[in-house]
N, C-alpha and C. Protein backbone atom coordinates (compact mmCIF):
# COMPACT_ATOMS: atom_id res chain seq x y z
N MET A 1 207.71 34.72 -167.33
CA MET A 1 207.96 35.63 -167.77
C MET A 1 206.56 36.57 -167.42
N ALA A 2 206.60 37.47 -167.10
CA ALA A 2 205.08 38.00 -166.47
C ALA A 2 204.70 38.53 -167.43
N LYS A 3 203.30 38.88 -166.99
CA LYS A 3 202.49 39.33 -168.18
C LYS A 3 202.54 41.15 -167.84
N LEU A 4 201.67 42.14 -168.69
CA LEU A 4 201.45 42.79 -168.51
C LEU A 4 199.73 43.34 -169.24
N ILE A 5 199.01 43.66 -168.56
CA ILE A 5 197.54 44.27 -168.92
C ILE A 5 197.39 45.66 -168.79
N LEU A 6 197.23 45.95 -170.48
CA LEU A 6 197.10 47.47 -170.19
C LEU A 6 195.48 48.16 -170.22
N ASP A 7 194.48 48.96 -169.49
CA ASP A 7 193.43 49.12 -169.27
C ASP A 7 193.18 50.24 -169.91
N ASP A 8 192.11 50.25 -170.43
CA ASP A 8 191.47 51.51 -171.48
C ASP A 8 192.70 52.52 -172.22
N LEU A 9 193.41 51.92 -173.21
CA LEU A 9 194.01 52.32 -173.94
C LEU A 9 193.37 52.88 -174.82
N ASP A 10 193.84 54.10 -175.68
CA ASP A 10 193.16 54.89 -175.57
C ASP A 10 193.18 54.36 -177.68
N PRO A 11 191.78 54.44 -178.11
CA PRO A 11 191.46 53.54 -179.45
C PRO A 11 192.78 54.31 -180.57
N GLN A 12 192.67 55.84 -180.38
CA GLN A 12 193.83 56.06 -181.32
C GLN A 12 195.28 55.63 -180.88
N MET A 13 195.69 55.90 -179.85
CA MET A 13 196.99 55.13 -179.16
C MET A 13 197.30 53.89 -180.01
N LEU A 14 195.90 52.81 -180.05
CA LEU A 14 196.24 51.60 -180.23
C LEU A 14 196.70 51.65 -181.82
N GLU A 15 195.72 52.33 -182.08
CA GLU A 15 196.02 52.19 -184.07
C GLU A 15 197.15 52.42 -184.48
N SER A 16 197.40 53.67 -184.17
CA SER A 16 198.90 53.76 -183.67
C SER A 16 199.78 53.15 -184.02
N LEU A 17 199.67 52.55 -182.69
CA LEU A 17 200.36 50.96 -182.30
C LEU A 17 200.74 50.00 -183.25
N LYS A 18 199.41 49.93 -183.57
CA LYS A 18 199.50 48.50 -184.53
C LYS A 18 199.89 48.77 -185.83
N MET A 19 199.86 50.21 -186.38
CA MET A 19 200.55 50.85 -187.75
C MET A 19 202.08 50.70 -187.26
N ARG A 20 202.68 51.13 -186.22
CA ARG A 20 203.76 51.14 -185.74
C ARG A 20 204.29 49.45 -186.34
N ALA A 21 203.54 48.70 -185.45
CA ALA A 21 204.33 47.36 -185.51
C ALA A 21 204.46 46.45 -186.69
N ALA A 22 203.24 47.08 -187.53
CA ALA A 22 202.88 46.84 -188.89
C ALA A 22 204.38 47.53 -189.85
N LYS A 23 204.80 48.31 -189.48
CA LYS A 23 205.80 49.17 -190.40
C LYS A 23 207.09 48.35 -189.99
N HIS A 24 207.19 47.36 -188.50
CA HIS A 24 208.73 47.04 -188.11
C HIS A 24 208.33 45.93 -188.29
N ASN A 25 207.73 45.61 -188.85
CA ASN A 25 206.84 43.51 -189.34
C ASN A 25 206.85 42.95 -188.03
N ARG A 26 206.46 43.21 -187.07
CA ARG A 26 206.30 42.86 -185.55
C ARG A 26 204.44 42.60 -185.25
N SER A 27 204.85 41.67 -183.79
CA SER A 27 203.36 42.25 -183.68
C SER A 27 203.11 43.49 -182.57
N VAL A 28 202.10 43.58 -182.69
CA VAL A 28 201.49 44.74 -181.00
C VAL A 28 202.49 44.22 -180.15
N GLU A 29 201.96 43.27 -179.39
CA GLU A 29 203.11 42.63 -177.92
C GLU A 29 204.61 42.52 -178.31
N SER A 30 205.09 42.38 -179.58
CA SER A 30 206.59 42.78 -179.53
C SER A 30 206.98 44.18 -179.89
N GLU A 31 206.36 44.82 -180.87
CA GLU A 31 206.30 46.46 -180.51
C GLU A 31 206.11 46.93 -179.26
N LEU A 32 205.51 47.10 -178.35
CA LEU A 32 205.46 47.13 -177.41
C LEU A 32 206.57 46.78 -176.66
N LYS A 33 207.17 45.37 -176.75
CA LYS A 33 208.37 45.42 -175.81
C LYS A 33 209.63 46.07 -176.32
N ALA A 34 209.95 45.90 -177.71
CA ALA A 34 210.47 46.65 -178.39
C ALA A 34 210.89 48.27 -177.92
N ILE A 35 209.39 49.03 -177.93
CA ILE A 35 209.18 50.07 -177.39
C ILE A 35 209.88 50.39 -176.02
N LEU A 36 210.03 48.94 -174.81
CA LEU A 36 209.93 49.58 -173.76
C LEU A 36 211.24 49.18 -173.25
N GLN A 37 211.85 47.94 -174.40
CA GLN A 37 213.85 48.01 -174.25
C GLN A 37 214.29 49.46 -174.63
N ASP A 38 213.69 50.02 -176.13
CA ASP A 38 214.18 51.33 -176.45
C ASP A 38 214.34 52.53 -175.32
N VAL A 39 213.18 52.61 -174.71
CA VAL A 39 213.35 53.54 -173.43
C VAL A 39 214.10 53.23 -172.27
N ILE A 40 214.22 51.73 -171.58
CA ILE A 40 214.82 52.04 -170.99
C ILE A 40 216.30 51.87 -170.99
N THR A 41 216.94 51.11 -172.61
CA THR A 41 218.26 51.51 -172.70
C THR A 41 218.66 52.76 -173.31
N ALA A 42 217.70 53.70 -173.25
CA ALA A 42 218.01 55.33 -173.51
C ALA A 42 218.33 55.97 -172.37
N GLU A 43 217.27 55.64 -170.99
CA GLU A 43 217.10 56.18 -169.86
C GLU A 43 218.69 55.63 -169.32
N ALA A 44 219.17 54.56 -169.90
CA ALA A 44 220.36 54.02 -168.74
C ALA A 44 221.43 54.68 -169.23
N ALA A 45 221.44 54.81 -170.55
CA ALA A 45 222.45 55.76 -171.40
C ALA A 45 222.68 57.15 -170.86
N THR A 46 221.56 57.80 -170.55
CA THR A 46 221.44 59.07 -169.86
C THR A 46 222.02 59.37 -168.78
N GLN A 47 221.76 58.41 -167.74
CA GLN A 47 222.22 58.25 -166.54
C GLN A 47 223.55 58.11 -166.30
N ALA A 48 223.82 57.03 -167.01
CA ALA A 48 225.28 56.43 -167.22
C ALA A 48 226.22 57.80 -167.81
N GLN A 49 225.86 58.95 -168.99
CA GLN A 49 226.20 60.02 -169.22
C GLN A 49 226.49 60.98 -168.27
N LYS A 50 225.32 61.31 -167.71
CA LYS A 50 225.10 62.48 -166.20
C LYS A 50 226.00 61.94 -165.43
N MET A 51 226.37 60.25 -165.17
CA MET A 51 227.44 60.14 -164.12
C MET A 51 228.61 60.62 -164.51
N ALA A 52 229.16 60.04 -165.78
CA ALA A 52 230.60 60.70 -166.34
C ALA A 52 230.50 61.74 -166.23
N THR A 53 229.52 63.20 -166.47
CA THR A 53 229.70 64.48 -166.79
C THR A 53 230.17 64.58 -165.32
N PHE A 54 229.38 64.46 -164.20
CA PHE A 54 230.03 64.71 -163.18
C PHE A 54 230.94 64.14 -162.24
N ARG A 55 231.28 62.83 -162.71
CA ARG A 55 232.48 62.93 -162.51
C ARG A 55 233.97 63.30 -162.80
N ALA A 56 233.46 64.24 -164.36
CA ALA A 56 234.65 64.72 -164.64
C ALA A 56 234.48 66.03 -164.23
N GLU A 57 233.39 66.76 -163.83
CA GLU A 57 233.37 68.00 -163.06
C GLU A 57 234.41 67.85 -161.55
N VAL A 58 233.56 67.28 -161.14
CA VAL A 58 234.53 66.73 -159.72
C VAL A 58 236.08 66.75 -159.72
N THR A 59 236.37 65.52 -160.49
CA THR A 59 237.76 66.02 -161.19
C THR A 59 238.43 67.22 -161.29
N GLN A 60 237.84 67.97 -162.04
CA GLN A 60 237.90 69.30 -162.69
C GLN A 60 238.38 69.69 -161.41
N MET A 61 237.37 69.84 -160.56
CA MET A 61 237.21 70.98 -159.41
C MET A 61 238.40 70.38 -158.08
N ARG A 62 239.10 69.27 -158.17
CA ARG A 62 239.90 68.77 -157.52
C ARG A 62 240.94 69.30 -157.92
N GLN A 63 241.05 69.20 -159.21
CA GLN A 63 242.51 69.89 -159.66
C GLN A 63 242.96 70.92 -159.76
N SER A 64 241.46 71.84 -159.54
CA SER A 64 241.55 73.40 -159.35
C SER A 64 242.08 74.00 -158.09
N LEU A 65 242.08 73.03 -157.09
CA LEU A 65 242.12 73.14 -155.83
C LEU A 65 243.68 73.36 -155.47
N PRO A 66 244.29 73.81 -155.19
CA PRO A 66 245.47 73.81 -154.46
C PRO A 66 245.87 72.52 -153.64
N HIS A 67 246.98 71.90 -154.14
CA HIS A 67 247.38 70.71 -153.45
C HIS A 67 248.04 70.76 -152.18
N GLN A 68 246.74 70.87 -151.34
CA GLN A 68 247.08 71.29 -149.79
C GLN A 68 247.04 69.70 -148.78
N ASN A 69 247.46 69.50 -147.58
CA ASN A 69 246.88 68.74 -146.49
C ASN A 69 245.86 69.23 -145.57
N TYR A 70 244.65 68.47 -146.04
CA TYR A 70 243.40 69.59 -144.96
C TYR A 70 243.36 68.72 -143.85
N THR A 71 242.69 69.39 -142.76
CA THR A 71 242.62 68.80 -141.32
C THR A 71 241.19 67.79 -141.19
N ASP A 72 241.34 66.76 -140.72
CA ASP A 72 240.17 65.95 -141.10
C ASP A 72 239.34 66.29 -139.99
N SER A 73 238.04 66.41 -140.41
CA SER A 73 236.81 67.07 -139.68
C SER A 73 236.59 66.38 -138.46
N ALA A 74 236.71 65.86 -138.76
CA ALA A 74 236.25 64.39 -137.25
C ALA A 74 237.42 65.04 -136.17
N VAL A 75 238.59 65.65 -136.58
CA VAL A 75 239.71 65.62 -135.39
C VAL A 75 239.12 67.07 -134.73
N MET A 76 238.74 67.80 -135.61
CA MET A 76 238.37 69.26 -135.29
C MET A 76 236.54 69.41 -134.31
N VAL A 77 235.80 67.87 -135.36
CA VAL A 77 234.54 67.91 -133.61
C VAL A 77 235.17 67.54 -132.73
N ARG A 78 235.94 66.54 -132.14
CA ARG A 78 236.51 66.30 -131.24
C ARG A 78 237.11 67.29 -130.17
N GLU A 79 238.04 68.12 -130.82
CA GLU A 79 238.46 69.17 -130.19
C GLU A 79 237.44 69.71 -130.04
N ASP A 80 236.84 70.30 -130.60
CA ASP A 80 235.20 71.55 -130.12
C ASP A 80 234.68 70.84 -129.03
N ARG A 81 234.52 69.38 -128.98
CA ARG A 81 233.59 68.72 -128.21
C ARG A 81 234.06 68.98 -126.78
N ASP A 82 235.80 68.86 -126.77
CA ASP A 82 236.17 68.54 -125.29
C ASP A 82 236.29 69.91 -124.46
N GLN A 83 236.46 70.80 -125.16
CA GLN A 83 236.69 72.59 -125.06
C GLN A 83 235.39 72.80 -123.53
């Protein structure tokens, strides 16, 4: 497993971390691991929610358009090049 070294950590931050670790009955190292895991999990959930919202918006936009057959733009580009 990888090791992580933190240099020049603010003493006040370290003290807060120690207090938080004690509150959760963990070592400072275990508390840091838990904090990192919480942040990564929350970030992944936020990203998943953004993607779900985006997909819903795209679906709604598609449904709001009239159901027509649209010309393939590649065909139009080829025709334009041939002229």
